[in-house]
Amino acid sequence: MDIGLLLLVILIVVFVWRGPKTLPELGKMFGEGVRAVRRQTRTNADDTHDHSSGQPGSGGR
């Protein structure tokens, strides 16, 4: 099943279940979650990059 179609079906179910007034709140929570995941992955990537340069054996010989 295509991911876009799946998200559309989920959105329609939530819309019917919760009503139109709560959709902005749900969108805000979803956006904050995505931002938190991106921030954490960026932090992990930076940490990995910093640690890889200081590993023994990764130097110039």
N, C-alpha and C. Protein backbone atom coordinates (compact mmCIF):
# COMPACT_ATOMS: atom_id res chain seq x y z
N MET A 1 0.85 -1.18 0.00
CA MET A 1 0.00 0.00 0.00
C MET A 1 0.89 1.24 0.00
N ASP A 2 0.56 2.21 -0.80
CA ASP A 2 1.31 3.44 -0.90
C ASP A 2 1.21 4.22 0.41
N ILE A 3 2.32 4.79 0.86
CA ILE A 3 2.36 5.51 2.14
C ILE A 3 1.48 6.74 2.11
N GLY A 4 1.40 7.42 0.97
CA GLY A 4 0.54 8.60 0.86
C GLY A 4 -0.92 8.25 1.01
N LEU A 5 -1.32 7.16 0.41
CA LEU A 5 -2.70 6.71 0.52
C LEU A 5 -3.01 6.30 1.96
N LEU A 6 -2.08 5.63 2.59
CA LEU A 6 -2.26 5.23 3.99
C LEU A 6 -2.43 6.44 4.89
N LEU A 7 -1.58 7.46 4.70
CA LEU A 7 -1.70 8.68 5.51
C LEU A 7 -3.01 9.39 5.26
N LEU A 8 -3.47 9.39 4.03
CA LEU A 8 -4.76 10.01 3.70
C LEU A 8 -5.91 9.28 4.40
N VAL A 9 -5.88 7.97 4.39
CA VAL A 9 -6.93 7.19 5.05
C VAL A 9 -6.90 7.45 6.56
N ILE A 10 -5.71 7.50 7.14
CA ILE A 10 -5.60 7.78 8.58
C ILE A 10 -6.14 9.17 8.88
N LEU A 11 -5.82 10.14 8.05
CA LEU A 11 -6.29 11.51 8.26
C LEU A 11 -7.82 11.56 8.19
N ILE A 12 -8.42 10.87 7.26
CA ILE A 12 -9.88 10.85 7.14
C ILE A 12 -10.51 10.20 8.36
N VAL A 13 -9.93 9.09 8.83
CA VAL A 13 -10.46 8.40 10.01
C VAL A 13 -10.37 9.32 11.23
N VAL A 14 -9.25 9.98 11.41
CA VAL A 14 -9.09 10.89 12.55
C VAL A 14 -10.06 12.06 12.43
N PHE A 15 -10.24 12.57 11.23
CA PHE A 15 -11.16 13.68 11.01
C PHE A 15 -12.59 13.29 11.41
N VAL A 16 -13.01 12.10 11.04
CA VAL A 16 -14.35 11.64 11.36
C VAL A 16 -14.46 11.35 12.86
N TRP A 17 -13.42 10.76 13.42
CA TRP A 17 -13.45 10.33 14.81
C TRP A 17 -13.37 11.51 15.78
N ARG A 18 -12.43 12.44 15.54
CA ARG A 18 -12.20 13.53 16.49
C ARG A 18 -12.93 14.82 16.12
N GLY A 19 -13.28 14.99 14.88
CA GLY A 19 -13.94 16.22 14.47
C GLY A 19 -12.94 17.24 13.94
N PRO A 20 -13.43 18.22 13.21
CA PRO A 20 -12.55 19.18 12.56
C PRO A 20 -11.86 20.15 13.51
N LYS A 21 -12.38 20.34 14.72
CA LYS A 21 -11.81 21.32 15.64
C LYS A 21 -10.47 20.86 16.21
N THR A 22 -10.25 19.56 16.30
CA THR A 22 -9.02 19.07 16.91
C THR A 22 -7.89 18.83 15.90
N LEU A 23 -8.17 18.95 14.61
CA LEU A 23 -7.14 18.71 13.60
C LEU A 23 -5.94 19.66 13.72
N PRO A 24 -6.13 20.96 13.97
CA PRO A 24 -4.95 21.81 14.13
C PRO A 24 -4.07 21.39 15.31
N GLU A 25 -4.68 20.97 16.39
CA GLU A 25 -3.91 20.49 17.54
C GLU A 25 -3.12 19.24 17.18
N LEU A 26 -3.75 18.32 16.47
CA LEU A 26 -3.07 17.09 16.07
C LEU A 26 -1.93 17.39 15.10
N GLY A 27 -2.16 18.33 14.18
CA GLY A 27 -1.10 18.73 13.26
C GLY A 27 0.07 19.36 13.98
N LYS A 28 -0.22 20.18 14.98
CA LYS A 28 0.85 20.80 15.76
C LYS A 28 1.66 19.75 16.51
N MET A 29 0.97 18.79 17.13
CA MET A 29 1.68 17.73 17.85
C MET A 29 2.54 16.90 16.90
N PHE A 30 2.00 16.59 15.72
CA PHE A 30 2.75 15.81 14.73
C PHE A 30 3.99 16.58 14.27
N GLY A 31 3.83 17.88 14.01
CA GLY A 31 4.95 18.71 13.58
C GLY A 31 6.03 18.80 14.63
N GLU A 32 5.62 18.95 15.89
CA GLU A 32 6.60 19.01 16.98
C GLU A 32 7.35 17.68 17.10
N GLY A 33 6.64 16.58 16.90
CA GLY A 33 7.29 15.27 16.96
C GLY A 33 8.31 15.09 15.85
N VAL A 34 7.96 15.52 14.65
CA VAL A 34 8.88 15.41 13.52
C VAL A 34 10.10 16.28 13.76
N ARG A 35 9.90 17.51 14.25
CA ARG A 35 11.03 18.39 14.54
C ARG A 35 11.95 17.80 15.61
N ALA A 36 11.35 17.17 16.63
CA ALA A 36 12.17 16.57 17.70
C ALA A 36 13.00 15.41 17.14
N VAL A 37 12.42 14.61 16.27
CA VAL A 37 13.16 13.49 15.67
C VAL A 37 14.29 14.02 14.80
N ARG A 38 14.02 15.03 13.99
CA ARG A 38 15.07 15.61 13.14
C ARG A 38 16.20 16.19 13.98
N ARG A 39 15.83 16.91 15.04
CA ARG A 39 16.83 17.51 15.92
C ARG A 39 17.69 16.43 16.56
N GLN A 40 17.07 15.35 17.00
CA GLN A 40 17.81 14.27 17.66
C GLN A 40 18.72 13.55 16.67
N THR A 41 18.25 13.29 15.46
CA THR A 41 19.10 12.62 14.48
C THR A 41 20.27 13.51 14.07
N ARG A 42 20.03 14.82 13.98
CA ARG A 42 21.11 15.74 13.65
C ARG A 42 22.14 15.76 14.78
N THR A 43 21.68 15.75 16.03
CA THR A 43 22.59 15.73 17.17
C THR A 43 23.39 14.44 17.19
N ASN A 44 22.73 13.31 16.92
CA ASN A 44 23.43 12.03 16.90
C ASN A 44 24.46 11.99 15.77
N ALA A 45 24.13 12.54 14.63
CA ALA A 45 25.06 12.55 13.50
C ALA A 45 26.27 13.42 13.82
N ASP A 46 26.04 14.56 14.47
CA ASP A 46 27.15 15.43 14.86
C ASP A 46 28.05 14.73 15.87
N ASP A 47 27.44 14.04 16.84
CA ASP A 47 28.23 13.31 17.84
C ASP A 47 29.05 12.20 17.19
N THR A 48 28.45 11.48 16.26
CA THR A 48 29.15 10.40 15.57
C THR A 48 30.32 10.97 14.77
N HIS A 49 30.11 12.08 14.12
CA HIS A 49 31.17 12.70 13.33
C HIS A 49 32.32 13.16 14.23
N ASP A 50 31.99 13.76 15.38
CA ASP A 50 33.02 14.22 16.31
C ASP A 50 33.82 13.06 16.87
N HIS A 51 33.17 11.97 17.20
CA HIS A 51 33.86 10.82 17.78
C HIS A 51 34.69 10.06 16.76
N SER A 52 34.25 10.04 15.51
CA SER A 52 34.97 9.27 14.51
C SER A 52 36.33 9.88 14.19
N SER A 53 36.47 11.19 14.34
CA SER A 53 37.75 11.82 14.03
C SER A 53 38.79 11.57 15.12
N GLY A 54 38.35 11.20 16.33
CA GLY A 54 39.29 10.99 17.41
C GLY A 54 39.59 9.53 17.69
N GLN A 55 39.13 8.65 16.86
CA GLN A 55 39.33 7.21 17.09
C GLN A 55 40.77 6.81 16.78
N PRO A 56 41.35 5.93 17.58
CA PRO A 56 42.69 5.43 17.25
C PRO A 56 42.66 4.65 15.95
N GLY A 57 43.67 4.83 15.14
CA GLY A 57 43.76 4.08 13.89
C GLY A 57 43.11 4.80 12.73
N SER A 58 42.39 5.90 12.99
CA SER A 58 41.76 6.61 11.89
C SER A 58 42.67 7.72 11.37
N GLY A 59 43.86 7.84 11.94
CA GLY A 59 44.77 8.93 11.61
C GLY A 59 45.59 8.69 10.37
N GLY A 60 46.62 9.53 10.21
CA GLY A 60 47.31 9.69 8.95
C GLY A 60 48.25 8.61 8.48
N ARG A 61 48.57 7.56 9.18
CA ARG A 61 49.57 6.62 8.68
C ARG A 61 49.04 5.69 7.68
